[in-house]
Amino acid sequence: MRYAFTMIELIFVIVILGVLAAVAIPRLAATRNDGGAAVVANDLGNCISGAGGAYQMDNAFDVTSDACVNATVTNPCFTVVPDNATGILLVTDVAGAAAGSVCLAAQVLVAENGLSSTAPGVSHRF
């Protein structure tokens, strides 16, 4: 006597796998987006810190570091405007980030930590 799976059992397994995939794939995409946002936010923090350190040493902001380029050019989520005369580094969000994008998630994350602003901008005085 041969034992095998019935057609109904196979259909149930396929349905269960489909439901699991429908739940897991969007969560995986959201996790990847959050990771990208954390990288951009970290780059902005490193940019601010490095630019401030350069200002303390030379009275001139250095916004050409890799972290600044990553936060403002590679992922154009923020603008960083140095004013060497007053010692203020103005950090603002780039408008128009698409819903669900890495930039929007990074802007929310950065705003929660007080590193940037959508209104006139957060000035970091050094």
PDB file of N, CA and C in Angstrom:
ATOM      1  N   MET A   1       0.838  -1.174   0.000  1.00  0.00           N
ATOM      2  CA  MET A   1       0.000   0.000   0.000  1.00  0.00           C
ATOM      3  C   MET A   1       0.890   1.247   0.000  1.00  0.00           C
ATOM      4  N   ARG A   2       0.597   2.183  -0.896  1.00  0.00           N
ATOM      5  CA  ARG A   2       1.379   3.410  -1.002  1.00  0.00           C
ATOM      6  C   ARG A   2       0.699   4.519  -0.217  1.00  0.00           C
ATOM      7  N   TYR A   3       1.535   5.285   0.453  1.00  0.00           N
ATOM      8  CA  TYR A   3       1.026   6.443   1.172  1.00  0.00           C
ATOM      9  C   TYR A   3       1.491   7.701   0.453  1.00  0.00           C
ATOM     10  N   ALA A   4       0.591   8.638   0.248  1.00  0.00           N
ATOM     11  CA  ALA A   4       0.934   9.895  -0.420  1.00  0.00           C
ATOM     12  C   ALA A   4       0.035  10.993   0.132  1.00  0.00           C
ATOM     13  N   PHE A   5       0.427  12.215  -0.158  1.00  0.00           N
ATOM     14  CA  PHE A   5      -0.394  13.358   0.259  1.00  0.00           C
ATOM     15  C   PHE A   5      -1.588  13.480  -0.676  1.00  0.00           C
ATOM     16  N   THR A   6      -2.709  13.845  -0.105  1.00  0.00           N
ATOM     17  CA  THR A   6      -3.885  14.066  -0.944  1.00  0.00           C
ATOM     18  C   THR A   6      -3.805  15.470  -1.537  1.00  0.00           C
ATOM     19  N   MET A   7      -4.609  15.715  -2.541  1.00  0.00           N
ATOM     20  CA  MET A   7      -4.638  17.021  -3.193  1.00  0.00           C
ATOM     21  C   MET A   7      -5.057  18.108  -2.202  1.00  0.00           C
ATOM     22  N   ILE A   8      -5.991  17.822  -1.340  1.00  0.00           N
ATOM     23  CA  ILE A   8      -6.456  18.800  -0.344  1.00  0.00           C
ATOM     24  C   ILE A   8      -5.307  19.176   0.599  1.00  0.00           C
ATOM     25  N   GLU A   9      -4.536  18.222   1.041  1.00  0.00           N
ATOM     26  CA  GLU A   9      -3.411  18.509   1.932  1.00  0.00           C
ATOM     27  C   GLU A   9      -2.385  19.406   1.234  1.00  0.00           C
ATOM     28  N   LEU A  10      -2.099  19.130  -0.011  1.00  0.00           N
ATOM     29  CA  LEU A  10      -1.152  19.953  -0.754  1.00  0.00           C
ATOM     30  C   LEU A  10      -1.666  21.374  -0.955  1.00  0.00           C
ATOM     31  N   ILE A  11      -2.954  21.519  -1.224  1.00  0.00           N
ATOM     32  CA  ILE A  11      -3.544  22.858  -1.385  1.00  0.00           C
ATOM     33  C   ILE A  11      -3.464  23.638  -0.082  1.00  0.00           C
ATOM     34  N   PHE A  12      -3.735  22.973   1.050  1.00  0.00           N
ATOM     35  CA  PHE A  12      -3.634  23.654   2.349  1.00  0.00           C
ATOM     36  C   PHE A  12      -2.204  24.131   2.612  1.00  0.00           C
ATOM     37  N   VAL A  13      -1.238  23.332   2.294  1.00  0.00           N
ATOM     38  CA  VAL A  13       0.162  23.721   2.495  1.00  0.00           C
ATOM     39  C   VAL A  13       0.508  24.927   1.622  1.00  0.00           C
ATOM     40  N   ILE A  14       0.074  24.920   0.380  1.00  0.00           N
ATOM     41  CA  ILE A  14       0.344  26.042  -0.520  1.00  0.00           C
ATOM     42  C   ILE A  14      -0.338  27.318  -0.023  1.00  0.00           C
ATOM     43  N   VAL A  15      -1.552  27.215   0.463  1.00  0.00           N
ATOM     44  CA  VAL A  15      -2.267  28.385   0.993  1.00  0.00           C
ATOM     45  C   VAL A  15      -1.546  28.930   2.216  1.00  0.00           C
ATOM     46  N   ILE A  16      -1.123  28.067   3.112  1.00  0.00           N
ATOM     47  CA  ILE A  16      -0.416  28.520   4.316  1.00  0.00           C
ATOM     48  C   ILE A  16       0.893  29.206   3.940  1.00  0.00           C
ATOM     49  N   LEU A  17       1.632  28.657   3.000  1.00  0.00           N
ATOM     50  CA  LEU A  17       2.872  29.292   2.553  1.00  0.00           C
ATOM     51  C   LEU A  17       2.600  30.645   1.899  1.00  0.00           C
ATOM     52  N   GLY A  18       1.515  30.764   1.162  1.00  0.00           N
ATOM     53  CA  GLY A  18       1.138  32.040   0.552  1.00  0.00           C
ATOM     54  C   GLY A  18       0.813  33.097   1.578  1.00  0.00           C
ATOM     55  N   VAL A  19       0.097  32.718   2.623  1.00  0.00           N
ATOM     56  CA  VAL A  19      -0.240  33.665   3.695  1.00  0.00           C
ATOM     57  C   VAL A  19       1.024  34.110   4.419  1.00  0.00           C
ATOM     58  N   LEU A  20       1.901  33.182   4.726  1.00  0.00           N
ATOM     59  CA  LEU A  20       3.158  33.543   5.388  1.00  0.00           C
ATOM     60  C   LEU A  20       3.992  34.491   4.532  1.00  0.00           C
ATOM     61  N   ALA A  21       4.055  34.240   3.240  1.00  0.00           N
ATOM     62  CA  ALA A  21       4.812  35.117   2.347  1.00  0.00           C
ATOM     63  C   ALA A  21       4.171  36.501   2.265  1.00  0.00           C
ATOM     64  N   ALA A  22       2.852  36.559   2.246  1.00  0.00           N
ATOM     65  CA  ALA A  22       2.160  37.850   2.171  1.00  0.00           C
ATOM     66  C   ALA A  22       2.411  38.690   3.414  1.00  0.00           C
ATOM     67  N   VAL A  23       2.636  38.064   4.537  1.00  0.00           N
ATOM     68  CA  VAL A  23       2.909  38.793   5.781  1.00  0.00           C
ATOM     69  C   VAL A  23       4.391  39.138   5.891  1.00  0.00           C
ATOM     70  N   ALA A  24       5.267  38.237   5.519  1.00  0.00           N
ATOM     71  CA  ALA A  24       6.702  38.412   5.740  1.00  0.00           C
ATOM     72  C   ALA A  24       7.352  39.395   4.771  1.00  0.00           C
ATOM     73  N   ILE A  25       6.962  39.411   3.520  1.00  0.00           N
ATOM     74  CA  ILE A  25       7.645  40.249   2.527  1.00  0.00           C
ATOM     75  C   ILE A  25       7.498  41.745   2.832  1.00  0.00           C
ATOM     76  N   PRO A  26       6.303  42.269   3.166  1.00  0.00           N
ATOM     77  CA  PRO A  26       6.234  43.698   3.518  1.00  0.00           C
ATOM     78  C   PRO A  26       7.035  44.045   4.772  1.00  0.00           C
ATOM     79  N   ARG A  27       7.073  43.146   5.728  1.00  0.00           N
ATOM     80  CA  ARG A  27       7.864  43.416   6.934  1.00  0.00           C
ATOM     81  C   ARG A  27       9.348  43.467   6.620  1.00  0.00           C
ATOM     82  N   LEU A  28       9.794  42.620   5.740  1.00  0.00           N
ATOM     83  CA  LEU A  28      11.196  42.623   5.335  1.00  0.00           C
ATOM     84  C   LEU A  28      11.540  43.931   4.636  1.00  0.00           C
ATOM     85  N   ALA A  29      10.659  44.409   3.769  1.00  0.00           N
ATOM     86  CA  ALA A  29      10.895  45.677   3.068  1.00  0.00           C
ATOM     87  C   ALA A  29      10.932  46.841   4.052  1.00  0.00           C
ATOM     88  N   ALA A  30      10.050  46.842   5.053  1.00  0.00           N
ATOM     89  CA  ALA A  30      10.029  47.909   6.051  1.00  0.00           C
ATOM     90  C   ALA A  30      11.305  47.902   6.886  1.00  0.00           C
ATOM     91  N   THR A  31      11.790  46.745   7.218  1.00  0.00           N
ATOM     92  CA  THR A  31      13.023  46.640   7.996  1.00  0.00           C
ATOM     93  C   THR A  31      14.207  47.170   7.204  1.00  0.00           C
ATOM     94  N   ARG A  32      14.240  46.868   5.934  1.00  0.00           N
ATOM     95  CA  ARG A  32      15.327  47.369   5.084  1.00  0.00           C
ATOM     96  C   ARG A  32      15.272  48.893   4.977  1.00  0.00           C
ATOM     97  N   ASN A  33      14.068  49.456   4.854  1.00  0.00           N
ATOM     98  CA  ASN A  33      13.893  50.900   4.780  1.00  0.00           C
ATOM     99  C   ASN A  33      14.359  51.562   6.082  1.00  0.00           C
ATOM    100  N   ASP A  34      14.019  50.955   7.222  1.00  0.00           N
ATOM    101  CA  ASP A  34      14.444  51.500   8.512  1.00  0.00           C
ATOM    102  C   ASP A  34      15.960  51.476   8.651  1.00  0.00           C
ATOM    103  N   GLY A  35      16.580  50.425   8.139  1.00  0.00           N
ATOM    104  CA  GLY A  35      18.040  50.341   8.181  1.00  0.00           C
ATOM    105  C   GLY A  35      18.686  51.439   7.354  1.00  0.00           C
ATOM    106  N   GLY A  36      18.141  51.688   6.167  1.00  0.00           N
ATOM    107  CA  GLY A  36      18.669  52.761   5.323  1.00  0.00           C
ATOM    108  C   GLY A  36      18.499  54.124   5.966  1.00  0.00           C
ATOM    109  N   ALA A  37      17.359  54.333   6.619  1.00  0.00           N
ATOM    110  CA  ALA A  37      17.111  55.605   7.302  1.00  0.00           C
ATOM    111  C   ALA A  37      18.092  55.802   8.452  1.00  0.00           C
ATOM    112  N   ALA A  38      18.383  54.737   9.173  1.00  0.00           N
ATOM    113  CA  ALA A  38      19.338  54.832  10.280  1.00  0.00           C
ATOM    114  C   ALA A  38      20.734  55.187   9.771  1.00  0.00           C
ATOM    115  N   VAL A  39      21.112  54.640   8.626  1.00  0.00           N
ATOM    116  CA  VAL A  39      22.424  54.958   8.048  1.00  0.00           C
ATOM    117  C   VAL A  39      22.496  56.440   7.674  1.00  0.00           C
ATOM    118  N   VAL A  40      21.446  56.953   7.029  1.00  0.00           N
ATOM    119  CA  VAL A  40      21.433  58.367   6.628  1.00  0.00           C
ATOM    120  C   VAL A  40      21.451  59.273   7.862  1.00  0.00           C
ATOM    121  N   ALA A  41      20.661  58.932   8.883  1.00  0.00           N
ATOM    122  CA  ALA A  41      20.629  59.732  10.110  1.00  0.00           C
ATOM    123  C   ALA A  41      21.991  59.704  10.807  1.00  0.00           C
ATOM    124  N   ASN A  42      22.625  58.547  10.822  1.00  0.00           N
ATOM    125  CA  ASN A  42      23.952  58.434  11.422  1.00  0.00           C
ATOM    126  C   ASN A  42      24.963  59.267  10.649  1.00  0.00           C
ATOM    127  N   ASP A  43      24.877  59.240   9.317  1.00  0.00           N
ATOM    128  CA  ASP A  43      25.776  60.057   8.499  1.00  0.00           C
ATOM    129  C   ASP A  43      25.595  61.540   8.798  1.00  0.00           C
ATOM    130  N   LEU A  44      24.346  61.973   8.968  1.00  0.00           N
ATOM    131  CA  LEU A  44      24.104  63.383   9.276  1.00  0.00           C
ATOM    132  C   LEU A  44      24.708  63.743  10.632  1.00  0.00           C
ATOM    133  N   GLY A  45      24.525  62.884  11.618  1.00  0.00           N
ATOM    134  CA  GLY A  45      25.114  63.143  12.938  1.00  0.00           C
ATOM    135  C   GLY A  45      26.631  63.228  12.863  1.00  0.00           C
ATOM    136  N   ASN A  46      27.250  62.314  12.097  1.00  0.00           N
ATOM    137  CA  ASN A  46      28.705  62.355  11.927  1.00  0.00           C
ATOM    138  C   ASN A  46      29.145  63.604  11.171  1.00  0.00           C
ATOM    139  N   CYS A  47      28.332  64.033  10.221  1.00  0.00           N
ATOM    140  CA  CYS A  47      28.627  65.255   9.461  1.00  0.00           C
ATOM    141  C   CYS A  47      28.637  66.473  10.388  1.00  0.00           C
ATOM    142  N   ILE A  48      27.611  66.574  11.206  1.00  0.00           N
ATOM    143  CA  ILE A  48      27.509  67.712  12.136  1.00  0.00           C
ATOM    144  C   ILE A  48      28.680  67.700  13.112  1.00  0.00           C
ATOM    145  N   SER A  49      28.969  66.524  13.636  1.00  0.00           N
ATOM    146  CA  SER A  49      30.069  66.400  14.597  1.00  0.00           C
ATOM    147  C   SER A  49      31.418  66.742  13.956  1.00  0.00           C
ATOM    148  N   GLY A  50      31.663  66.197  12.763  1.00  0.00           N
ATOM    149  CA  GLY A  50      32.930  66.470  12.078  1.00  0.00           C
ATOM    150  C   GLY A  50      33.067  67.923  11.662  1.00  0.00           C
ATOM    151  N   ALA A  51      31.979  68.498  11.165  1.00  0.00           N
ATOM    152  CA  ALA A  51      32.016  69.908  10.755  1.00  0.00           C
ATOM    153  C   ALA A  51      32.258  70.808  11.964  1.00  0.00           C
ATOM    154  N   GLY A  52      31.632  70.458  13.093  1.00  0.00           N
ATOM    155  CA  GLY A  52      31.845  71.244  14.309  1.00  0.00           C
ATOM    156  C   GLY A  52      33.271  71.137  14.816  1.00  0.00           C
ATOM    157  N   GLY A  53      33.831  69.935  14.745  1.00  0.00           N
ATOM    158  CA  GLY A  53      35.224  69.762  15.155  1.00  0.00           C
ATOM    159  C   GLY A  53      36.173  70.559  14.282  1.00  0.00           C
ATOM    160  N   ALA A  54      35.905  70.569  12.982  1.00  0.00           N
ATOM    161  CA  ALA A  54      36.740  71.353  12.070  1.00  0.00           C
ATOM    162  C   ALA A  54      36.612  72.839  12.379  1.00  0.00           C
ATOM    163  N   TYR A  55      35.397  73.280  12.718  1.00  0.00           N
ATOM    164  CA  TYR A  55      35.207  74.701  13.042  1.00  0.00           C
ATOM    165  C   TYR A  55      35.960  75.070  14.315  1.00  0.00           C
ATOM    166  N   GLN A  56      35.928  74.178  15.292  1.00  0.00           N
ATOM    167  CA  GLN A  56      36.629  74.448  16.553  1.00  0.00           C
ATOM    168  C   GLN A  56      38.138  74.591  16.324  1.00  0.00           C
ATOM    169  N   MET A  57      38.659  73.804  15.393  1.00  0.00           N
ATOM    170  CA  MET A  57      40.110  73.841  15.149  1.00  0.00           C
ATOM    171  C   MET A  57      40.523  74.964  14.200  1.00  0.00           C
ATOM    172  N   ASP A  58      39.736  75.183  13.132  1.00  0.00           N
ATOM    173  CA  ASP A  58      40.175  76.097  12.069  1.00  0.00           C
ATOM    174  C   ASP A  58      39.261  77.291  11.845  1.00  0.00           C
ATOM    175  N   ASN A  59      38.193  77.436  12.614  1.00  0.00           N
ATOM    176  CA  ASN A  59      37.189  78.482  12.406  1.00  0.00           C
ATOM    177  C   ASN A  59      36.581  78.411  11.011  1.00  0.00           C
ATOM    178  N   ALA A  60      36.489  77.195  10.470  1.00  0.00           N
ATOM    179  CA  ALA A  60      35.854  76.976   9.171  1.00  0.00           C
ATOM    180  C   ALA A  60      35.233  75.582   9.172  1.00  0.00           C
ATOM    181  N   PHE A  61      33.972  75.508   8.785  1.00  0.00           N
ATOM    182  CA  PHE A  61      33.285  74.219   8.724  1.00  0.00           C
ATOM    183  C   PHE A  61      33.809  73.403   7.551  1.00  0.00           C
ATOM    184  N   ASP A  62      33.924  72.101   7.769  1.00  0.00           N
ATOM    185  CA  ASP A  62      34.286  71.187   6.685  1.00  0.00           C
ATOM    186  C   ASP A  62      33.088  70.287   6.421  1.00  0.00           C
ATOM    187  N   VAL A  63      32.361  70.564   5.335  1.00  0.00           N
ATOM    188  CA  VAL A  63      31.190  69.753   4.993  1.00  0.00           C
ATOM    189  C   VAL A  63      31.474  68.896   3.763  1.00  0.00           C
ATOM    190  N   THR A  64      32.758  68.577   3.555  1.00  0.00           N
ATOM    191  CA  THR A  64      33.141  67.747   2.418  1.00  0.00           C
ATOM    192  C   THR A  64      33.469  66.315   2.832  1.00  0.00           C
ATOM    193  N   SER A  65      33.254  65.982   4.087  1.00  0.00           N
ATOM    194  CA  SER A  65      33.558  64.619   4.550  1.00  0.00           C
ATOM    195  C   SER A  65      32.612  63.615   3.890  1.00  0.00           C
ATOM    196  N   ASP A  66      32.988  62.340   3.960  1.00  0.00           N
ATOM    197  CA  ASP A  66      32.142  61.288   3.390  1.00  0.00           C
ATOM    198  C   ASP A  66      30.759  61.282   4.029  1.00  0.00           C
ATOM    199  N   ALA A  67      30.690  61.508   5.351  1.00  0.00           N
ATOM    200  CA  ALA A  67      29.394  61.507   6.042  1.00  0.00           C
ATOM    201  C   ALA A  67      28.503  62.630   5.523  1.00  0.00           C
ATOM    202  N   CYS A  68      29.063  63.814   5.311  1.00  0.00           N
ATOM    203  CA  CYS A  68      28.272  64.940   4.796  1.00  0.00           C
ATOM    204  C   CYS A  68      27.805  64.674   3.373  1.00  0.00           C
ATOM    205  N   VAL A  69      28.681  64.117   2.556  1.00  0.00           N
ATOM    206  CA  VAL A  69      28.315  63.808   1.171  1.00  0.00           C
ATOM    207  C   VAL A  69      27.206  62.754   1.149  1.00  0.00           C
ATOM    208  N   ASN A  70      27.307  61.738   2.007  1.00  0.00           N
ATOM    209  CA  ASN A  70      26.278  60.695   2.053  1.00  0.00           C
ATOM    210  C   ASN A  70      24.923  61.237   2.487  1.00  0.00           C
ATOM    211  N   ALA A  71      24.894  62.183   3.416  1.00  0.00           N
ATOM    212  CA  ALA A  71      23.628  62.709   3.935  1.00  0.00           C
ATOM    213  C   ALA A  71      23.038  63.803   3.060  1.00  0.00           C
ATOM    214  N   THR A  72      23.848  64.421   2.201  1.00  0.00           N
ATOM    215  CA  THR A  72      23.332  65.550   1.421  1.00  0.00           C
ATOM    216  C   THR A  72      23.362  65.332  -0.086  1.00  0.00           C
ATOM    217  N   VAL A  73      24.235  64.449  -0.584  1.00  0.00           N
ATOM    218  CA  VAL A  73      24.360  64.263  -2.028  1.00  0.00           C
ATOM    219  C   VAL A  73      23.946  62.848  -2.439  1.00  0.00           C
ATOM    220  N   THR A  74      24.586  61.845  -1.847  1.00  0.00           N
ATOM    221  CA  THR A  74      24.272  60.461  -2.199  1.00  0.00           C
ATOM    222  C   THR A  74      22.806  60.153  -1.900  1.00  0.00           C
ATOM    223  N   ASN A  75      22.359  60.514  -0.715  1.00  0.00           N
ATOM    224  CA  ASN A  75      20.943  60.432  -0.323  1.00  0.00           C
ATOM    225  C   ASN A  75      20.503  61.860  -0.019  1.00  0.00           C
ATOM    226  N   PRO A  76      20.002  62.589  -1.006  1.00  0.00           N
ATOM    227  CA  PRO A  76      19.716  64.011  -0.791  1.00  0.00           C
ATOM    228  C   PRO A  76      18.500  64.217   0.108  1.00  0.00           C
ATOM    229  N   CYS A  77      18.703  63.990   1.396  1.00  0.00           N
ATOM    230  CA  CYS A  77      17.624  64.106   2.380  1.00  0.00           C
ATOM    231  C   CYS A  77      17.727  65.403   3.183  1.00  0.00           C
ATOM    232  N   PHE A  78      18.916  65.984   3.254  1.00  0.00           N
ATOM    233  CA  PHE A  78      19.147  67.156   4.097  1.00  0.00           C
ATOM    234  C   PHE A  78      20.018  68.159   3.357  1.00  0.00           C
ATOM    235  N   THR A  79      19.928  69.405   3.802  1.00  0.00           N
ATOM    236  CA  THR A  79      20.873  70.418   3.345  1.00  0.00           C
ATOM    237  C   THR A  79      21.655  70.882   4.562  1.00  0.00           C
ATOM    238  N   VAL A  80      22.924  71.086   4.365  1.00  0.00           N
ATOM    239  CA  VAL A  80      23.804  71.570   5.430  1.00  0.00           C
ATOM    240  C   VAL A  80      24.464  72.829   4.905  1.00  0.00           C
ATOM    241  N   VAL A  81      24.152  73.968   5.539  1.00  0.00           N
ATOM    242  CA  VAL A  81      24.669  75.258   5.084  1.00  0.00           C
ATOM    243  C   VAL A  81      25.562  75.837   6.175  1.00  0.00           C
ATOM    244  N   PRO A  82      26.873  75.876   5.931  1.00  0.00           N
ATOM    245  CA  PRO A  82      27.785  76.433   6.931  1.00  0.00           C
ATOM    246  C   PRO A  82      27.898  77.951   6.807  1.00  0.00           C
ATOM    247  N   ASP A  83      27.965  78.626   7.936  1.00  0.00           N
ATOM    248  CA  ASP A  83      28.227  80.065   7.962  1.00  0.00           C
ATOM    249  C   ASP A  83      29.436  80.269   8.874  1.00  0.00           C
ATOM    250  N   ASN A  84      30.609  80.332   8.261  1.00  0.00           N
ATOM    251  CA  ASN A  84      31.838  80.428   9.038  1.00  0.00           C
ATOM    252  C   ASN A  84      31.941  81.731   9.825  1.00  0.00           C
ATOM    253  N   ALA A  85      31.309  82.798   9.338  1.00  0.00           N
ATOM    254  CA  ALA A  85      31.401  84.089  10.011  1.00  0.00           C
ATOM    255  C   ALA A  85      30.696  84.070  11.366  1.00  0.00           C
ATOM    256  N   THR A  86      29.562  83.409  11.445  1.00  0.00           N
ATOM    257  CA  THR A  86      28.800  83.382  12.699  1.00  0.00           C
ATOM    258  C   THR A  86      29.000  82.097  13.484  1.00  0.00           C
ATOM    259  N   GLY A  87      29.603  81.081  12.866  1.00  0.00           N
ATOM    260  CA  GLY A  87      29.796  79.805  13.544  1.00  0.00           C
ATOM    261  C   GLY A  87      28.525  78.983  13.628  1.00  0.00           C
ATOM    262  N   ILE A  88      27.617  79.192  12.682  1.00  0.00           N
ATOM    263  CA  ILE A  88      26.347  78.464  12.679  1.00  0.00           C
ATOM    264  C   ILE A  88      26.310  77.508  11.496  1.00  0.00           C
ATOM    265  N   LEU A  89      25.934  76.269  11.787  1.00  0.00           N
ATOM    266  CA  LEU A  89      25.736  75.253  10.763  1.00  0.00           C
ATOM    267  C   LEU A  89      24.239  74.996  10.699  1.00  0.00           C
ATOM    268  N   LEU A  90      23.608  75.395   9.594  1.00  0.00           N
ATOM    269  CA  LEU A  90      22.161  75.286   9.445  1.00  0.00           C
ATOM    270  C   LEU A  90      21.826  73.969   8.760  1.00  0.00           C
ATOM    271  N   VAL A  91      21.021  73.141   9.417  1.00  0.00           N
ATOM    272  CA  VAL A  91      20.649  71.824   8.896  1.00  0.00           C
ATOM    273  C   VAL A  91      19.148  71.800   8.701  1.00  0.00           C
ATOM    274  N   THR A  92      18.703  71.535   7.465  1.00  0.00           N
ATOM    275  CA  THR A  92      17.269  71.465   7.178  1.00  0.00           C
ATOM    276  C   THR A  92      16.958  70.228   6.345  1.00  0.00           C
ATOM    277  N   ASP A  93      15.693  69.814   6.417  1.00  0.00           N
ATOM    278  CA  ASP A  93      15.219  68.689   5.607  1.00  0.00           C
ATOM    279  C   ASP A  93      14.996  69.153   4.173  1.00  0.00           C
ATOM    280  N   VAL A  94      15.231  68.268   3.225  1.00  0.00           N
ATOM    281  CA  VAL A  94      14.883  68.537   1.839  1.00  0.00           C
ATOM    282  C   VAL A  94      13.397  68.228   1.688  1.00  0.00           C
ATOM    283  N   ALA A  95      12.660  69.169   1.149  1.00  0.00           N
ATOM    284  CA  ALA A  95      11.209  68.996   1.017  1.00  0.00           C
ATOM    285  C   ALA A  95      10.869  67.994  -0.073  1.00  0.00           C
ATOM    286  N   GLY A  96       9.699  67.395   0.054  1.00  0.00           N
ATOM    287  CA  GLY A  96       9.181  66.545  -0.999  1.00  0.00           C
ATOM    288  C   GLY A  96       9.604  65.093  -0.938  1.00  0.00           C
ATOM    289  N   ALA A  97      10.055  64.621   0.222  1.00  0.00           N
ATOM    290  CA  ALA A  97      10.417  63.204   0.324  1.00  0.00           C
ATOM    291  C   ALA A  97       9.154  62.356   0.194  1.00  0.00           C
ATOM    292  N   ALA A  98       9.227  61.336  -0.620  1.00  0.00           N
ATOM    293  CA  ALA A  98       8.059  60.478  -0.875  1.00  0.00           C
ATOM    294  C   ALA A  98       7.695  59.670   0.361  1.00  0.00           C
ATOM    295  N   ALA A  99       6.408  59.456   0.538  1.00  0.00           N
ATOM    296  CA  ALA A  99       5.933  58.642   1.655  1.00  0.00           C
ATOM    297  C   ALA A  99       6.528  57.246   1.550  1.00  0.00           C
ATOM    298  N   GLY A 100       7.039  56.751   2.651  1.00  0.00           N
ATOM    299  CA  GLY A 100       7.625  55.426   2.672  1.00  0.00           C
ATOM    300  C   GLY A 100       9.071  55.373   2.191  1.00  0.00           C
ATOM    301  N   SER A 101       9.641  56.523   1.850  1.00  0.00           N
ATOM    302  CA  SER A 101      11.009  56.539   1.334  1.00  0.00           C
ATOM    303  C   SER A 101      12.017  56.541   2.479  1.00  0.00           C
ATOM    304  N   VAL A 102      13.247  56.222   2.132  1.00  0.00           N
ATOM    305  CA  VAL A 102      14.325  56.244   3.121  1.00  0.00           C
ATOM    306  C   VAL A 102      14.517  57.663   3.647  1.00  0.00           C
ATOM    307  N   CYS A 103      14.422  58.665   2.749  1.00  0.00           N
ATOM    308  CA  CYS A 103      14.612  60.055   3.170  1.00  0.00           C
ATOM    309  C   CYS A 103      13.570  60.481   4.195  1.00  0.00           C
ATOM    310  N   LEU A 104      12.316  60.171   3.944  1.00  0.00           N
ATOM    311  CA  LEU A 104      11.264  60.566   4.890  1.00  0.00           C
ATOM    312  C   LEU A 104      11.480  59.889   6.237  1.00  0.00           C
ATOM    313  N   ALA A 105      11.813  58.612   6.221  1.00  0.00           N
ATOM    314  CA  ALA A 105      12.070  57.910   7.477  1.00  0.00           C
ATOM    315  C   ALA A 105      13.275  58.506   8.197  1.00  0.00           C
ATOM    316  N   ALA A 106      14.316  58.865   7.451  1.00  0.00           N
ATOM    317  CA  ALA A 106      15.504  59.474   8.050  1.00  0.00           C
ATOM    318  C   ALA A 106      15.176  60.848   8.617  1.00  0.00           C
ATOM    319  N   GLN A 107      14.361  61.626   7.907  1.00  0.00           N
ATOM    320  CA  GLN A 107      13.997  62.954   8.391  1.00  0.00           C
ATOM    321  C   GLN A 107      13.201  62.869   9.687  1.00  0.00           C
ATOM    322  N   VAL A 108      12.312  61.901   9.779  1.00  0.00           N
ATOM    323  CA  VAL A 108      11.553  61.711  11.020  1.00  0.00           C
ATOM    324  C   VAL A 108      12.490  61.312  12.149  1.00  0.00           C
ATOM    325  N   LEU A 109      13.380  60.383  11.875  1.00  0.00           N
ATOM    326  CA  LEU A 109      14.333  59.919  12.886  1.00  0.00           C
ATOM    327  C   LEU A 109      15.237  61.046  13.362  1.00  0.00           C
ATOM    328  N   VAL A 110      15.723  61.848  12.444  1.00  0.00           N
ATOM    329  CA  VAL A 110      16.613  62.946  12.782  1.00  0.00           C
ATOM    330  C   VAL A 110      15.868  64.039  13.539  1.00  0.00           C
ATOM    331  N   ALA A 111      14.631  64.341  13.134  1.00  0.00           N
ATOM    332  CA  ALA A 111      13.842  65.361  13.827  1.00  0.00           C
ATOM    333  C   ALA A 111      13.548  64.940  15.267  1.00  0.00           C
ATOM    334  N   GLU A 112      13.304  63.655  15.486  1.00  0.00           N
ATOM    335  CA  GLU A 112      13.059  63.168  16.847  1.00  0.00           C
ATOM    336  C   GLU A 112      14.265  63.386  17.746  1.00  0.00           C
ATOM    337  N   ASN A 113      15.461  63.383  17.162  1.00  0.00           N
ATOM    338  CA  ASN A 113      16.683  63.580  17.935  1.00  0.00           C
ATOM    339  C   ASN A 113      17.170  65.024  17.918  1.00  0.00           C
ATOM    340  N   GLY A 114      16.389  65.917  17.295  1.00  0.00           N
ATOM    341  CA  GLY A 114      16.717  67.337  17.306  1.00  0.00           C
ATOM    342  C   GLY A 114      17.924  67.723  16.469  1.00  0.00           C
ATOM    343  N   LEU A 115      18.215  66.967  15.416  1.00  0.00           N
ATOM    344  CA  LEU A 115      19.355  67.301  14.575  1.00  0.00           C
ATOM    345  C   LEU A 115      18.985  68.178  13.394  1.00  0.00           C
ATOM    346  N   SER A 116      17.711  68.171  12.978  1.00  0.00           N
ATOM    347  CA  SER A 116      17.302  69.014  11.860  1.00  0.00           C
ATOM    348  C   SER A 116      15.865  69.444  12.061  1.00  0.00           C
ATOM    349  N   SER A 117      15.373  70.244  11.138  1.00  0.00           N
ATOM    350  CA  SER A 117      14.023  70.758  11.260  1.00  0.00           C
ATOM    351  C   SER A 117      13.456  71.029   9.880  1.00  0.00           C
ATOM    352  N   THR A 118      12.119  71.001   9.767  1.00  0.00           N
ATOM    353  CA  THR A 118      11.485  71.358   8.503  1.00  0.00           C
ATOM    354  C   THR A 118      11.214  72.850   8.456  1.00  0.00           C
ATOM    355  N   ALA A 119      11.078  73.494   9.579  1.00  0.00           N
ATOM    356  CA  ALA A 119      10.867  74.923   9.624  1.00  0.00           C
ATOM    357  C   ALA A 119      12.213  75.614   9.449  1.00  0.00           C
ATOM    358  N   PRO A 120      12.454  76.850   9.789  1.00  0.00           N
ATOM    359  CA  PRO A 120      13.637  77.506   9.266  1.00  0.00           C
ATOM    360  C   PRO A 120      14.913  76.708   9.396  1.00  0.00           C
ATOM    361  N   GLY A 121      14.904  75.649  10.137  1.00  0.00           N
ATOM    362  CA  GLY A 121      16.108  74.832  10.268  1.00  0.00           C
ATOM    363  C   GLY A 121      16.680  74.888  11.675  1.00  0.00           C
ATOM    364  N   VAL A 122      17.429  73.907  11.992  1.00  0.00           N
ATOM    365  CA  VAL A 122      18.078  73.867  13.291  1.00  0.00           C
ATOM    366  C   VAL A 122      19.485  74.400  13.089  1.00  0.00           C
ATOM    367  N   SER A 123      19.840  75.392  13.872  1.00  0.00           N
ATOM    368  CA  SER A 123      21.194  75.888  13.749  1.00  0.00           C
ATOM    369  C   SER A 123      22.034  75.272  14.841  1.00  0.00           C
ATOM    370  N   HIS A 124      23.160  74.811  14.454  1.00  0.00           N
ATOM    371  CA  HIS A 124      24.119  74.262  15.413  1.00  0.00           C
ATOM    372  C   HIS A 124      25.228  75.304  15.545  1.00  0.00           C
ATOM    373  N   ARG A 125      25.299  75.929  16.714  1.00  0.00           N
ATOM    374  CA  ARG A 125      26.311  76.974  16.935  1.00  0.00           C
ATOM    375  C   ARG A 125      27.551  76.329  17.536  1.00  0.00           C
ATOM    376  N   PHE A 126      28.690  76.634  16.959  1.00  0.00           N
ATOM    377  CA  PHE A 126      29.939  76.074  17.445  1.00  0.00           C
ATOM    378  C   PHE A 126      30.865  77.188  17.894  1.00  0.00           C
TER     379      PHE A 126
END
